[in-house]
Every structure is written in C-alpha cells, then in structure tokens.
Amino acid sequence: MDKSTEILTWAALSAGVVVLGLGVVTLVRKRVFGFGFGTKGRAIRWRPYAWAQILTGTFILVETVPRLAGAPSGFVAVVSIFAFIPMAGALAARGRAVAT
C-alpha cells in the first residue's frame, strides 16, 4: 500500500470510529447526537438513528482494519463482501429513523 492510500485508509478508520462513537452516545443518551442526513423539517427517531450510525461505523471498521493490517487480498475481498451486511442494516435503520 502506497503512502497516500495508507493515509486515506487511516482517515477512513478515524471517521468510522467517530461515527460509531456518535451512535453509541445517541443510544446511551436516548437523544439524537450529531448530524448525519437532512430531515427536511421532520422528526428523527433516536433509536433507529443510533443503530444506523453504529452499523455504518461497523461497516467502515470492517472495511479498513484488514487493509491496514496488511491482510492478503483474498481475505480482504471476502471480508468486504460480508461488510455489506451491517451496511444493509444501516440503510434499513436510516429509513426508519425519519418520521414521516
């Protein structure tokens, strides 16, 4: 991995940790903490929003950690396929987070 790719991967890992942390804080406080998407004046349900953040952060971590660890490309490809499971859950939770 060249230097610029490594720096960008570390930045993605840091963003994933922040998003995961915001989700945990939202879940613990039982209030939306942070900003993530436009609501166009509609209310946000805190629990699905928190799980959407947690699952998005998990997706980012599952994608970046094996790359930074120097795992073989075959392993990274398999993990990347399975990483879309939390991402699908995050998209579903995000859809339920905004009250209609």
Protein backbone atom coordinates (compact mmCIF):
# COMPACT_ATOMS: atom_id res chain seq x y z
CA MET A 1 0.00 0.00 0.00
CA ASP A 2 1.49 3.34 -1.00
CA LYS A 3 1.69 6.26 1.41
CA SER A 4 -1.32 8.23 0.15
CA THR A 5 -3.58 5.16 0.22
CA GLU A 6 -2.43 4.38 3.74
CA ILE A 7 -3.17 7.94 4.89
CA LEU A 8 -6.66 7.83 3.35
CA THR A 9 -7.32 4.44 4.94
CA TRP A 10 -6.32 5.78 8.35
CA ALA A 11 -8.62 8.77 7.78
CA ALA A 12 -11.49 6.39 6.92
CA LEU A 13 -10.76 4.34 10.04
CA SER A 14 -10.84 7.50 12.16
CA ALA A 15 -14.16 8.55 10.60
CA GLY A 16 -15.57 5.09 11.31
CA VAL A 17 -14.58 5.32 14.96
CA VAL A 18 -16.21 8.77 15.23
CA VAL A 19 -19.47 7.60 13.59
CA LEU A 20 -19.55 4.50 15.81
CA GLY A 21 -18.96 6.66 18.88
CA LEU A 22 -21.72 9.10 17.92
CA GLY A 23 -24.10 6.17 17.53
CA VAL A 24 -23.23 4.81 20.95
CA VAL A 25 -23.65 8.26 22.54
CA THR A 26 -27.04 8.64 20.83
CA LEU A 27 -28.11 5.23 22.08
CA VAL A 28 -26.99 5.93 25.65
CA ARG A 29 -28.40 9.48 25.85
CA LYS A 30 -31.68 8.49 24.16
CA ARG A 31 -31.41 11.67 22.11
CA VAL A 32 -30.06 12.33 18.65
CA PHE A 33 -26.46 13.43 18.97
CA GLY A 34 -24.71 14.73 15.88
CA PHE A 35 -25.80 15.27 12.34
CA GLY A 36 -25.94 12.74 9.56
CA PHE A 37 -28.59 13.49 6.96
CA GLY A 38 -31.16 16.09 6.04
CA THR A 39 -34.59 15.67 7.57
CA LYS A 40 -36.43 18.49 5.77
CA GLY A 41 -38.11 19.56 9.00
CA ARG A 42 -39.27 16.07 10.02
CA ALA A 43 -38.59 14.48 13.38
CA ILE A 44 -35.83 11.91 13.85
CA ARG A 45 -36.41 8.76 15.90
CA TRP A 46 -33.34 8.40 18.10
CA ARG A 47 -33.15 4.59 18.38
CA PRO A 48 -33.08 3.70 14.63
CA TYR A 49 -30.80 6.70 14.03
CA ALA A 50 -28.36 5.42 16.66
CA TRP A 51 -28.35 1.93 15.16
CA ALA A 52 -27.83 3.38 11.68
CA GLN A 53 -24.74 5.21 12.95
CA ILE A 54 -23.43 2.18 14.82
CA LEU A 55 -23.86 -0.10 11.81
CA THR A 56 -22.30 2.45 9.45
CA GLY A 57 -19.29 2.76 11.75
CA THR A 58 -19.05 -1.03 11.92
CA PHE A 59 -19.09 -1.21 8.12
CA ILE A 60 -16.25 1.29 7.87
CA LEU A 61 -14.18 -0.51 10.50
CA VAL A 62 -14.70 -3.93 8.90
CA GLU A 63 -13.61 -2.47 5.56
CA THR A 64 -10.49 -0.65 6.77
CA VAL A 65 -8.93 -2.75 9.55
CA PRO A 66 -7.91 -5.73 7.35
CA ARG A 67 -6.39 -3.36 4.79
CA LEU A 68 -4.31 -1.60 7.43
CA ALA A 69 -3.29 -4.93 8.96
CA GLY A 70 -1.85 -6.00 5.62
CA ALA A 71 -4.17 -8.97 5.17
CA PRO A 72 -3.99 -10.94 1.91
CA SER A 73 -6.17 -9.58 -0.90
CA GLY A 74 -8.37 -12.70 -0.96
CA PHE A 75 -9.22 -12.26 2.71
CA VAL A 76 -9.91 -8.55 2.20
CA ALA A 77 -12.27 -9.39 -0.68
CA VAL A 78 -14.24 -11.91 1.42
CA VAL A 79 -14.46 -9.53 4.38
CA SER A 80 -15.60 -6.74 2.04
CA ILE A 81 -18.47 -8.90 0.83
CA PHE A 82 -19.58 -9.65 4.39
CA ALA A 83 -19.18 -5.97 5.35
CA PHE A 84 -22.29 -5.15 3.37
CA ILE A 85 -24.45 -6.96 5.95
CA PRO A 86 -24.11 -4.15 8.54
CA MET A 87 -24.38 -1.60 5.73
CA ALA A 88 -27.73 -3.05 4.64
CA GLY A 89 -28.90 -2.89 8.25
CA ALA A 90 -27.75 0.73 8.48
CA LEU A 91 -29.72 1.68 5.38
CA ALA A 92 -32.84 -0.02 6.73
CA ALA A 93 -32.45 1.70 10.13
CA ARG A 94 -31.86 5.06 8.45
CA GLY A 95 -35.13 4.66 6.58
CA ARG A 96 -36.97 4.11 9.86
CA ALA A 97 -35.19 6.96 11.65
CA VAL A 98 -37.02 9.80 9.94
CA ALA A 99 -40.67 10.07 10.91
CA THR A 100 -43.00 10.66 8.02
